[in-house]
PDB file of all heavy atoms in Angstrom:
ATOM      1  N   PHE A   1      -4.756  -4.621 -10.198  1.00  0.00           N
ATOM      2  CA  PHE A   1      -5.829  -4.650 -11.206  1.00  0.00           C
ATOM      3  C   PHE A   1      -6.697  -3.403 -11.112  1.00  0.00           C
ATOM      4  O   PHE A   1      -7.062  -2.809 -12.135  1.00  0.00           O
ATOM      5  CB  PHE A   1      -6.693  -5.895 -11.011  1.00  0.00           C
ATOM      6  CG  PHE A   1      -8.004  -5.827 -11.736  1.00  0.00           C
ATOM      7  CD1 PHE A   1      -8.066  -6.048 -13.102  1.00  0.00           C
ATOM      8  CD2 PHE A   1      -9.182  -5.511 -11.055  1.00  0.00           C
ATOM      9  CE1 PHE A   1      -9.276  -5.964 -13.786  1.00  0.00           C
ATOM     10  CE2 PHE A   1     -10.386  -5.424 -11.733  1.00  0.00           C
ATOM     11  CZ  PHE A   1     -10.441  -5.649 -13.101  1.00  0.00           C
ATOM     12  N   LEU A   2      -7.026  -2.990  -9.873  1.00  0.00           N
ATOM     13  CA  LEU A   2      -7.837  -1.784  -9.688  1.00  0.00           C
ATOM     14  C   LEU A   2      -7.141  -0.564 -10.292  1.00  0.00           C
ATOM     15  O   LEU A   2      -7.787   0.288 -10.916  1.00  0.00           O
ATOM     16  CB  LEU A   2      -8.098  -1.559  -8.198  1.00  0.00           C
ATOM     17  CG  LEU A   2      -8.890  -0.303  -7.823  1.00  0.00           C
ATOM     18  CD1 LEU A   2     -10.286  -0.343  -8.429  1.00  0.00           C
ATOM     19  CD2 LEU A   2      -8.959  -0.160  -6.306  1.00  0.00           C
ATOM     20  N   LEU A   3      -5.838  -0.503 -10.148  1.00  0.00           N
ATOM     21  CA  LEU A   3      -5.069   0.622 -10.685  1.00  0.00           C
ATOM     22  C   LEU A   3      -5.132   0.654 -12.212  1.00  0.00           C
ATOM     23  O   LEU A   3      -5.441   1.688 -12.819  1.00  0.00           O
ATOM     24  CB  LEU A   3      -3.624   0.520 -10.200  1.00  0.00           C
ATOM     25  CG  LEU A   3      -2.669   1.638 -10.596  1.00  0.00           C
ATOM     26  CD1 LEU A   3      -3.109   2.964  -9.997  1.00  0.00           C
ATOM     27  CD2 LEU A   3      -1.245   1.303 -10.135  1.00  0.00           C
ATOM     28  N   THR A   4      -4.833  -0.460 -12.835  1.00  0.00           N
ATOM     29  CA  THR A   4      -4.805  -0.499 -14.298  1.00  0.00           C
ATOM     30  C   THR A   4      -6.212  -0.421 -14.896  1.00  0.00           C
ATOM     31  O   THR A   4      -6.421   0.213 -15.933  1.00  0.00           O
ATOM     32  CB  THR A   4      -4.098  -1.769 -14.786  1.00  0.00           C
ATOM     33  OG1 THR A   4      -4.712  -2.921 -14.176  1.00  0.00           O
ATOM     34  CG2 THR A   4      -2.632  -1.753 -14.415  1.00  0.00           C
ATOM     35  N   ASP A   5      -7.184  -1.053 -14.245  1.00  0.00           N
ATOM     36  CA  ASP A   5      -8.559  -1.001 -14.744  1.00  0.00           C
ATOM     37  C   ASP A   5      -9.110   0.430 -14.654  1.00  0.00           C
ATOM     38  O   ASP A   5      -9.817   0.891 -15.557  1.00  0.00           O
ATOM     39  CB  ASP A   5      -9.436  -1.955 -13.926  1.00  0.00           C
ATOM     40  CG  ASP A   5     -10.866  -1.989 -14.435  1.00  0.00           C
ATOM     41  OD1 ASP A   5     -11.072  -2.442 -15.577  1.00  0.00           O
ATOM     42  OD2 ASP A   5     -11.775  -1.570 -13.692  1.00  0.00           O
ATOM     43  N   SER A   6      -8.759   1.132 -13.577  1.00  0.00           N
ATOM     44  CA  SER A   6      -9.202   2.524 -13.430  1.00  0.00           C
ATOM     45  C   SER A   6      -8.572   3.417 -14.492  1.00  0.00           C
ATOM     46  O   SER A   6      -9.200   4.346 -14.997  1.00  0.00           O
ATOM     47  CB  SER A   6      -8.842   3.032 -12.025  1.00  0.00           C
ATOM     48  OG  SER A   6      -9.455   2.233 -11.035  1.00  0.00           O
ATOM     49  N   GLN A   7      -7.318   3.135 -14.830  1.00  0.00           N
ATOM     50  CA  GLN A   7      -6.666   3.893 -15.897  1.00  0.00           C
ATOM     51  C   GLN A   7      -7.382   3.678 -17.223  1.00  0.00           C
ATOM     52  O   GLN A   7      -7.635   4.639 -17.967  1.00  0.00           O
ATOM     53  CB  GLN A   7      -5.203   3.471 -16.016  1.00  0.00           C
ATOM     54  CG  GLN A   7      -4.447   4.183 -17.126  1.00  0.00           C
ATOM     55  CD  GLN A   7      -3.067   3.586 -17.370  1.00  0.00           C
ATOM     56  OE1 GLN A   7      -2.771   2.492 -16.891  1.00  0.00           O
ATOM     57  NE2 GLN A   7      -2.239   4.296 -18.089  1.00  0.00           N
ATOM     58  N   ASN A   8      -7.726   2.431 -17.515  1.00  0.00           N
ATOM     59  CA  ASN A   8      -8.401   2.131 -18.785  1.00  0.00           C
ATOM     60  C   ASN A   8      -9.784   2.762 -18.859  1.00  0.00           C
ATOM     61  O   ASN A   8     -10.260   3.100 -19.955  1.00  0.00           O
ATOM     62  CB  ASN A   8      -8.511   0.610 -18.961  1.00  0.00           C
ATOM     63  CG  ASN A   8      -7.154  -0.050 -19.111  1.00  0.00           C
ATOM     64  OD1 ASN A   8      -6.194   0.574 -19.560  1.00  0.00           O
ATOM     65  ND2 ASN A   8      -7.062  -1.318 -18.723  1.00  0.00           N
ATOM     66  N   ASN A   9     -10.441   2.912 -17.710  1.00  0.00           N
ATOM     67  CA  ASN A   9     -11.803   3.448 -17.684  1.00  0.00           C
ATOM     68  C   ASN A   9     -11.861   4.934 -17.360  1.00  0.00           C
ATOM     69  O   ASN A   9     -12.957   5.496 -17.213  1.00  0.00           O
ATOM     70  CB  ASN A   9     -12.654   2.685 -16.663  1.00  0.00           C
ATOM     71  CG  ASN A   9     -12.872   1.239 -17.062  1.00  0.00           C
ATOM     72  OD1 ASN A   9     -13.072   0.938 -18.241  1.00  0.00           O
ATOM     73  ND2 ASN A   9     -12.823   0.335 -16.098  1.00  0.00           N
ATOM     74  N   GLY A  10     -10.698   5.573 -17.215  1.00  0.00           N
ATOM     75  CA  GLY A  10     -10.675   6.996 -16.919  1.00  0.00           C
ATOM     76  C   GLY A  10     -11.138   7.354 -15.526  1.00  0.00           C
ATOM     77  O   GLY A  10     -11.550   8.498 -15.288  1.00  0.00           O
ATOM     78  N   ARG A  11     -11.076   6.413 -14.577  1.00  0.00           N
ATOM     79  CA  ARG A  11     -11.489   6.672 -13.199  1.00  0.00           C
ATOM     80  C   ARG A  11     -10.260   7.086 -12.386  1.00  0.00           C
ATOM     81  O   ARG A  11      -9.664   6.290 -11.668  1.00  0.00           O
ATOM     82  CB  ARG A  11     -12.144   5.434 -12.595  1.00  0.00           C
ATOM     83  CG  ARG A  11     -13.485   5.077 -13.201  1.00  0.00           C
ATOM     84  CD  ARG A  11     -14.526   6.176 -12.961  1.00  0.00           C
ATOM     85  NE  ARG A  11     -14.702   6.494 -11.553  1.00  0.00           N
ATOM     86  CZ  ARG A  11     -15.604   5.897 -10.754  1.00  0.00           C
ATOM     87  NH1 ARG A  11     -16.407   4.974 -11.260  1.00  0.00           N
ATOM     88  NH2 ARG A  11     -15.707   6.255  -9.489  1.00  0.00           N
ATOM     89  N   THR A  12      -9.899   8.368 -12.510  1.00  0.00           N
ATOM     90  CA  THR A  12      -8.720   8.854 -11.799  1.00  0.00           C
ATOM     91  C   THR A  12      -8.900   8.786 -10.294  1.00  0.00           C
ATOM     92  O   THR A  12      -7.928   8.593  -9.555  1.00  0.00           O
ATOM     93  CB  THR A  12      -8.413  10.306 -12.206  1.00  0.00           C
ATOM     94  OG1 THR A  12      -8.583  10.444 -13.619  1.00  0.00           O
ATOM     95  CG2 THR A  12      -6.998  10.685 -11.838  1.00  0.00           C
ATOM     96  N   ASP A  13     -10.143   8.944  -9.819  1.00  0.00           N
ATOM     97  CA  ASP A  13     -10.387   8.869  -8.386  1.00  0.00           C
ATOM     98  C   ASP A  13     -10.021   7.492  -7.843  1.00  0.00           C
ATOM     99  O   ASP A  13      -9.411   7.364  -6.774  1.00  0.00           O
ATOM    100  CB  ASP A  13     -11.842   9.203  -8.068  1.00  0.00           C
ATOM    101  CG  ASP A  13     -12.833   8.387  -8.900  1.00  0.00           C
ATOM    102  OD1 ASP A  13     -12.405   7.699  -9.844  1.00  0.00           O
ATOM    103  OD2 ASP A  13     -14.046   8.455  -8.590  1.00  0.00           O
ATOM    104  N   ARG A  14     -10.363   6.459  -8.595  1.00  0.00           N
ATOM    105  CA  ARG A  14     -10.004   5.101  -8.163  1.00  0.00           C
ATOM    106  C   ARG A  14      -8.508   4.838  -8.321  1.00  0.00           C
ATOM    107  O   ARG A  14      -7.936   4.046  -7.561  1.00  0.00           O
ATOM    108  CB  ARG A  14     -10.809   4.072  -8.958  1.00  0.00           C
ATOM    109  CG  ARG A  14     -12.294   4.078  -8.616  1.00  0.00           C
ATOM    110  CD  ARG A  14     -13.019   2.941  -9.304  1.00  0.00           C
ATOM    111  NE  ARG A  14     -14.429   2.897  -8.923  1.00  0.00           N
ATOM    112  CZ  ARG A  14     -15.292   1.974  -9.349  1.00  0.00           C
ATOM    113  NH1 ARG A  14     -14.877   1.024 -10.189  1.00  0.00           N
ATOM    114  NH2 ARG A  14     -16.544   2.012  -8.960  1.00  0.00           N
ATOM    115  N   MET A  15      -7.885   5.470  -9.309  1.00  0.00           N
ATOM    116  CA  MET A  15      -6.427   5.343  -9.433  1.00  0.00           C
ATOM    117  C   MET A  15      -5.730   5.892  -8.191  1.00  0.00           C
ATOM    118  O   MET A  15      -4.839   5.250  -7.626  1.00  0.00           O
ATOM    119  CB  MET A  15      -5.932   6.076 -10.687  1.00  0.00           C
ATOM    120  CG  MET A  15      -6.269   5.409 -11.998  1.00  0.00           C
ATOM    121  SD  MET A  15      -5.765   6.408 -13.422  1.00  0.00           S
ATOM    122  CE  MET A  15      -4.014   6.588 -13.110  1.00  0.00           C
ATOM    123  N   PHE A  16      -6.148   7.085  -7.760  1.00  0.00           N
ATOM    124  CA  PHE A  16      -5.578   7.662  -6.549  1.00  0.00           C
ATOM    125  C   PHE A  16      -5.870   6.780  -5.338  1.00  0.00           C
ATOM    126  O   PHE A  16      -5.024   6.625  -4.454  1.00  0.00           O
ATOM    127  CB  PHE A  16      -6.124   9.076  -6.321  1.00  0.00           C
ATOM    128  CG  PHE A  16      -5.348  10.145  -7.024  1.00  0.00           C
ATOM    129  CD1 PHE A  16      -5.596  10.453  -8.357  1.00  0.00           C
ATOM    130  CD2 PHE A  16      -4.349  10.849  -6.366  1.00  0.00           C
ATOM    131  CE1 PHE A  16      -4.885  11.443  -9.010  1.00  0.00           C
ATOM    132  CE2 PHE A  16      -3.629  11.836  -7.008  1.00  0.00           C
ATOM    133  CZ  PHE A  16      -3.889  12.140  -8.332  1.00  0.00           C
ATOM    134  N   LEU A  17      -7.074   6.227  -5.294  1.00  0.00           N
ATOM    135  CA  LEU A  17      -7.432   5.335  -4.190  1.00  0.00           C
ATOM    136  C   LEU A  17      -6.508   4.127  -4.141  1.00  0.00           C
ATOM    137  O   LEU A  17      -6.024   3.739  -3.063  1.00  0.00           O
ATOM    138  CB  LEU A  17      -8.883   4.887  -4.345  1.00  0.00           C
ATOM    139  CG  LEU A  17      -9.367   3.804  -3.364  1.00  0.00           C
ATOM    140  CD1 LEU A  17      -9.293   4.305  -1.931  1.00  0.00           C
ATOM    141  CD2 LEU A  17     -10.786   3.364  -3.724  1.00  0.00           C
ATOM    142  N   ALA A  18      -6.236   3.519  -5.298  1.00  0.00           N
ATOM    143  CA  ALA A  18      -5.350   2.348  -5.339  1.00  0.00           C
ATOM    144  C   ALA A  18      -3.942   2.709  -4.896  1.00  0.00           C
ATOM    145  O   ALA A  18      -3.307   1.974  -4.124  1.00  0.00           O
ATOM    146  CB  ALA A  18      -5.330   1.761  -6.754  1.00  0.00           C
ATOM    147  N   ILE A  19      -3.436   3.856  -5.349  1.00  0.00           N
ATOM    148  CA  ILE A  19      -2.080   4.285  -4.989  1.00  0.00           C
ATOM    149  C   ILE A  19      -1.981   4.550  -3.483  1.00  0.00           C
ATOM    150  O   ILE A  19      -1.039   4.113  -2.814  1.00  0.00           O
ATOM    151  CB  ILE A  19      -1.688   5.541  -5.784  1.00  0.00           C
ATOM    152  CG1 ILE A  19      -1.550   5.200  -7.273  1.00  0.00           C
ATOM    153  CG2 ILE A  19      -0.388   6.139  -5.259  1.00  0.00           C
ATOM    154  CD1 ILE A  19      -1.406   6.407  -8.173  1.00  0.00           C
ATOM    155  N   ILE A  20      -2.970   5.266  -2.940  1.00  0.00           N
ATOM    156  CA  ILE A  20      -2.950   5.574  -1.507  1.00  0.00           C
ATOM    157  C   ILE A  20      -3.076   4.307  -0.683  1.00  0.00           C
ATOM    158  O   ILE A  20      -2.386   4.131   0.340  1.00  0.00           O
ATOM    159  CB  ILE A  20      -4.080   6.574  -1.168  1.00  0.00           C
ATOM    160  CG1 ILE A  20      -3.791   7.920  -1.825  1.00  0.00           C
ATOM    161  CG2 ILE A  20      -4.221   6.739   0.346  1.00  0.00           C
ATOM    162  CD1 ILE A  20      -4.952   8.898  -1.746  1.00  0.00           C
ATOM    163  N   THR A  21      -3.935   3.386  -1.106  1.00  0.00           N
ATOM    164  CA  THR A  21      -4.106   2.135  -0.370  1.00  0.00           C
ATOM    165  C   THR A  21      -2.823   1.309  -0.376  1.00  0.00           C
ATOM    166  O   THR A  21      -2.433   0.740   0.649  1.00  0.00           O
ATOM    167  CB  THR A  21      -5.262   1.319  -0.976  1.00  0.00           C
ATOM    168  OG1 THR A  21      -6.442   2.118  -1.001  1.00  0.00           O
ATOM    169  CG2 THR A  21      -5.529   0.069  -0.150  1.00  0.00           C
ATOM    170  N   LEU A  22      -2.160   1.254  -1.526  1.00  0.00           N
ATOM    171  CA  LEU A  22      -0.879   0.544  -1.600  1.00  0.00           C
ATOM    172  C   LEU A  22       0.145   1.174  -0.661  1.00  0.00           C
ATOM    173  O   LEU A  22       0.896   0.465   0.025  1.00  0.00           O
ATOM    174  CB  LEU A  22      -0.351   0.554  -3.036  1.00  0.00           C
ATOM    175  CG  LEU A  22      -1.034  -0.387  -4.029  1.00  0.00           C
ATOM    176  CD1 LEU A  22      -0.627  -0.055  -5.452  1.00  0.00           C
ATOM    177  CD2 LEU A  22      -0.695  -1.839  -3.705  1.00  0.00           C
ATOM    178  N   ALA A  23       0.179   2.506  -0.619  1.00  0.00           N
ATOM    179  CA  ALA A  23       1.134   3.194   0.253  1.00  0.00           C
ATOM    180  C   ALA A  23       0.846   2.903   1.723  1.00  0.00           C
ATOM    181  O   ALA A  23       1.763   2.623   2.507  1.00  0.00           O
ATOM    182  CB  ALA A  23       1.090   4.695  -0.015  1.00  0.00           C
ATOM    183  N   VAL A  24      -0.436   2.971   2.115  1.00  0.00           N
ATOM    184  CA  VAL A  24      -0.796   2.771   3.519  1.00  0.00           C
ATOM    185  C   VAL A  24      -0.522   1.335   3.956  1.00  0.00           C
ATOM    186  O   VAL A  24       0.067   1.088   5.020  1.00  0.00           O
ATOM    187  CB  VAL A  24      -2.282   3.139   3.742  1.00  0.00           C
ATOM    188  CG1 VAL A  24      -2.737   2.720   5.142  1.00  0.00           C
ATOM    189  CG2 VAL A  24      -2.490   4.635   3.555  1.00  0.00           C
ATOM    190  N   ILE A  25      -0.940   0.361   3.144  1.00  0.00           N
ATOM    191  CA  ILE A  25      -0.734  -1.042   3.525  1.00  0.00           C
ATOM    192  C   ILE A  25       0.753  -1.383   3.499  1.00  0.00           C
ATOM    193  O   ILE A  25       1.247  -2.118   4.356  1.00  0.00           O
ATOM    194  CB  ILE A  25      -1.527  -1.976   2.588  1.00  0.00           C
ATOM    195  CG1 ILE A  25      -3.016  -1.680   2.706  1.00  0.00           C
ATOM    196  CG2 ILE A  25      -1.258  -3.426   2.941  1.00  0.00           C
ATOM    197  CD1 ILE A  25      -3.860  -2.505   1.771  1.00  0.00           C
ATOM    198  N   GLY A  26       1.475  -0.852   2.519  1.00  0.00           N
ATOM    199  CA  GLY A  26       2.914  -1.097   2.476  1.00  0.00           C
ATOM    200  C   GLY A  26       3.613  -0.570   3.715  1.00  0.00           C
ATOM    201  O   GLY A  26       4.473  -1.241   4.301  1.00  0.00           O
ATOM    202  N   LYS A  27       3.236   0.632   4.150  1.00  0.00           N
ATOM    203  CA  LYS A  27       3.819   1.195   5.359  1.00  0.00           C
ATOM    204  C   LYS A  27       3.421   0.404   6.598  1.00  0.00           C
ATOM    205  O   LYS A  27       4.244   0.187   7.500  1.00  0.00           O
ATOM    206  CB  LYS A  27       3.389   2.656   5.502  1.00  0.00           C
ATOM    207  CG  LYS A  27       3.854   3.333   6.786  1.00  0.00           C
ATOM    208  CD  LYS A  27       5.366   3.261   6.941  1.00  0.00           C
ATOM    209  CE  LYS A  27       5.823   3.868   8.246  1.00  0.00           C
ATOM    210  NZ  LYS A  27       7.279   3.673   8.460  1.00  0.00           N
ATOM    211  N   ALA A  28       2.171  -0.050   6.655  1.00  0.00           N
ATOM    212  CA  ALA A  28       1.708  -0.823   7.810  1.00  0.00           C
ATOM    213  C   ALA A  28       2.460  -2.146   7.933  1.00  0.00           C
ATOM    214  O   ALA A  28       2.888  -2.534   9.035  1.00  0.00           O
ATOM    215  CB  ALA A  28       0.207  -1.071   7.699  1.00  0.00           C
ATOM    216  N   THR A  29       2.645  -2.844   6.819  1.00  0.00           N
ATOM    217  CA  THR A  29       3.369  -4.118   6.878  1.00  0.00           C
ATOM    218  C   THR A  29       4.845  -3.899   7.214  1.00  0.00           C
ATOM    219  O   THR A  29       5.449  -4.696   7.933  1.00  0.00           O
ATOM    220  CB  THR A  29       3.230  -4.864   5.537  1.00  0.00           C
ATOM    221  OG1 THR A  29       3.598  -3.994   4.454  1.00  0.00           O
ATOM    222  CG2 THR A  29       1.814  -5.345   5.325  1.00  0.00           C
ATOM    223  N   ASP A  30       5.411  -2.803   6.712  1.00  0.00           N
ATOM    224  CA  ASP A  30       6.804  -2.483   7.063  1.00  0.00           C
ATOM    225  C   ASP A  30       6.927  -2.175   8.551  1.00  0.00           C
ATOM    226  O   ASP A  30       7.913  -2.564   9.195  1.00  0.00           O
ATOM    227  CB  ASP A  30       7.291  -1.301   6.234  1.00  0.00           C
ATOM    228  CG  ASP A  30       8.710  -0.902   6.579  1.00  0.00           C
ATOM    229  OD1 ASP A  30       9.640  -1.629   6.189  1.00  0.00           O
ATOM    230  OD2 ASP A  30       8.893   0.137   7.251  1.00  0.00           O
ATOM    231  N   ALA A  31       5.930  -1.494   9.122  1.00  0.00           N
ATOM    232  CA  ALA A  31       5.960  -1.192  10.553  1.00  0.00           C
ATOM    233  C   ALA A  31       5.888  -2.468  11.380  1.00  0.00           C
ATOM    234  O   ALA A  31       6.581  -2.601  12.406  1.00  0.00           O
ATOM    235  CB  ALA A  31       4.804  -0.254  10.910  1.00  0.00           C
ATOM    236  N   LEU A  32       5.068  -3.428  10.957  1.00  0.00           N
ATOM    237  CA  LEU A  32       4.986  -4.706  11.673  1.00  0.00           C
ATOM    238  C   LEU A  32       6.322  -5.442  11.614  1.00  0.00           C
ATOM    239  O   LEU A  32       6.762  -6.029  12.613  1.00  0.00           O
ATOM    240  CB  LEU A  32       3.877  -5.569  11.071  1.00  0.00           C
ATOM    241  CG  LEU A  32       2.443  -5.074  11.290  1.00  0.00           C
ATOM    242  CD1 LEU A  32       1.459  -5.958  10.524  1.00  0.00           C
ATOM    243  CD2 LEU A  32       2.102  -5.070  12.777  1.00  0.00           C
ATOM    244  N   LEU A  33       6.957  -5.405  10.459  1.00  0.00           N
ATOM    245  CA  LEU A  33       8.265  -6.046  10.333  1.00  0.00           C
ATOM    246  C   LEU A  33       9.301  -5.315  11.171  1.00  0.00           C
ATOM    247  O   LEU A  33      10.227  -5.928  11.717  1.00  0.00           O
ATOM    248  CB  LEU A  33       8.680  -6.079   8.863  1.00  0.00           C
ATOM    249  CG  LEU A  33       9.834  -7.017   8.481  1.00  0.00           C
ATOM    250  CD1 LEU A  33       9.550  -8.441   8.930  1.00  0.00           C
ATOM    251  CD2 LEU A  33      10.058  -6.982   6.976  1.00  0.00           C
ATOM    252  N   GLY A  34       9.165  -3.993  11.294  1.00  0.00           N
ATOM    253  CA  GLY A  34      10.068  -3.226  12.149  1.00  0.00           C
ATOM    254  C   GLY A  34       9.939  -3.623  13.613  1.00  0.00           C
ATOM    255  O   GLY A  34      10.935  -3.675  14.346  1.00  0.00           O
ATOM    256  N   ILE A  35       8.713  -3.911  14.074  1.00  0.00           N
ATOM    257  CA  ILE A  35       8.506  -4.372  15.446  1.00  0.00           C
ATOM    258  C   ILE A  35       9.183  -5.723  15.649  1.00  0.00           C
ATOM    259  O   ILE A  35       9.853  -5.955  16.662  1.00  0.00           O
ATOM    260  CB  ILE A  35       7.003  -4.465  15.753  1.00  0.00           C
ATOM    261  CG1 ILE A  35       6.376  -3.064  15.749  1.00  0.00           C
ATOM    262  CG2 ILE A  35       6.762  -5.147  17.098  1.00  0.00           C
ATOM    263  CD1 ILE A  35       4.860  -3.068  15.863  1.00  0.00           C
ATOM    264  N   ALA A  36       9.022  -6.620  14.666  1.00  0.00           N
ATOM    265  CA  ALA A  36       9.686  -7.924  14.751  1.00  0.00           C
ATOM    266  C   ALA A  36      11.202  -7.765  14.766  1.00  0.00           C
ATOM    267  O   ALA A  36      11.910  -8.495  15.465  1.00  0.00           O
ATOM    268  CB  ALA A  36       9.253  -8.803  13.581  1.00  0.00           C
ATOM    269  N   GLU A  37      11.713  -6.799  14.003  1.00  0.00           N
ATOM    270  CA  GLU A  37      13.152  -6.546  13.976  1.00  0.00           C
ATOM    271  C   GLU A  37      13.669  -6.132  15.349  1.00  0.00           C
ATOM    272  O   GLU A  37      14.701  -6.628  15.820  1.00  0.00           O
ATOM    273  CB  GLU A  37      13.475  -5.469  12.948  1.00  0.00           C
ATOM    274  CG  GLU A  37      14.944  -5.090  12.890  1.00  0.00           C
ATOM    275  CD  GLU A  37      15.207  -3.963  11.920  1.00  0.00           C
ATOM    276  OE1 GLU A  37      14.249  -3.396  11.374  1.00  0.00           O
ATOM    277  OE2 GLU A  37      16.398  -3.637  11.714  1.00  0.00           O
ATOM    278  N   LYS A  38      12.967  -5.226  16.025  1.00  0.00           N
ATOM    279  CA  LYS A  38      13.400  -4.774  17.343  1.00  0.00           C
ATOM    280  C   LYS A  38      13.446  -5.931  18.343  1.00  0.00           C
ATOM    281  O   LYS A  38      14.374  -6.045  19.140  1.00  0.00           O
ATOM    282  CB  LYS A  38      12.471  -3.675  17.850  1.00  0.00           C
ATOM    283  CG  LYS A  38      12.590  -2.372  17.079  1.00  0.00           C
ATOM    284  CD  LYS A  38      11.619  -1.325  17.600  1.00  0.00           C
ATOM    285  CE  LYS A  38      11.727  -0.029  16.812  1.00  0.00           C
ATOM    286  NZ  LYS A  38      10.748   0.985  17.280  1.00  0.00           N
ATOM    287  N   ARG A  39      12.438  -6.783  18.288  1.00  0.00           N
ATOM    288  CA  ARG A  39      12.416  -7.934  19.199  1.00  0.00           C
ATOM    289  C   ARG A  39      13.537  -8.909  18.885  1.00  0.00           C
ATOM    290  O   ARG A  39      14.183  -9.450  19.793  1.00  0.00           O
ATOM    291  CB  ARG A  39      11.059  -8.635  19.102  1.00  0.00           C
ATOM    292  CG  ARG A  39       9.900  -7.785  19.647  1.00  0.00           C
ATOM    293  CD  ARG A  39       8.587  -8.536  19.545  1.00  0.00           C
ATOM    294  NE  ARG A  39       7.483  -7.728  20.104  1.00  0.00           N
ATOM    295  CZ  ARG A  39       6.215  -8.108  20.117  1.00  0.00           C
ATOM    296  NH1 ARG A  39       5.882  -9.296  19.588  1.00  0.00           N
ATOM    297  NH2 ARG A  39       5.296  -7.338  20.655  1.00  0.00           N
ATOM    298  N   ALA A  40      13.781  -9.141  17.608  1.00  0.00           N
ATOM    299  CA  ALA A  40      14.851 -10.067  17.228  1.00  0.00           C
ATOM    300  C   ALA A  40      16.222  -9.522  17.611  1.00  0.00           C
ATOM    301  O   ALA A  40      17.092 -10.265  18.069  1.00  0.00           O
ATOM    302  CB  ALA A  40      14.791 -10.346  15.718  1.00  0.00           C
ATOM    303  N   VAL A  41      16.422  -8.225  17.419  1.00  0.00           N
ATOM    304  CA  VAL A  41      17.711  -7.617  17.791  1.00  0.00           C
ATOM    305  C   VAL A  41      17.941  -7.725  19.290  1.00  0.00           C
ATOM    306  O   VAL A  41      19.039  -8.028  19.751  1.00  0.00           O
ATOM    307  CB  VAL A  41      17.757  -6.150  17.315  1.00  0.00           C
ATOM    308  CG1 VAL A  41      18.947  -5.428  17.929  1.00  0.00           C
ATOM    309  CG2 VAL A  41      17.832  -6.092  15.799  1.00  0.00           C
ATOM    310  N   ARG A  42      16.888  -7.470  20.087  1.00  0.00           N
ATOM    311  CA  ARG A  42      17.028  -7.595  21.538  1.00  0.00           C
ATOM    312  C   ARG A  42      17.337  -9.036  21.949  1.00  0.00           C
ATOM    313  O   ARG A  42      18.087  -9.274  22.898  1.00  0.00           O
ATOM    314  CB  ARG A  42      15.758  -7.126  22.237  1.00  0.00           C
ATOM    315  CG  ARG A  42      15.593  -5.612  22.315  1.00  0.00           C
ATOM    316  CD  ARG A  42      14.582  -5.222  23.348  1.00  0.00           C
ATOM    317  NE  ARG A  42      13.263  -5.767  23.080  1.00  0.00           N
ATOM    318  CZ  ARG A  42      12.311  -5.108  22.419  1.00  0.00           C
ATOM    319  NH1 ARG A  42      12.533  -3.886  21.977  1.00  0.00           N
ATOM    320  NH2 ARG A  42      11.132  -5.667  22.228  1.00  0.00           N
TER     321      ARG A  42
END
């Protein structure tokens, strides 16, 4: 919602913020799943 609402309101700074936040959280959750994968494989 923040991404699309920022687009509608011309807030490019918030658009970049939403994209970066999605990237960081997505990578963080993938890293946690990677830790679980290593333990499960062992």
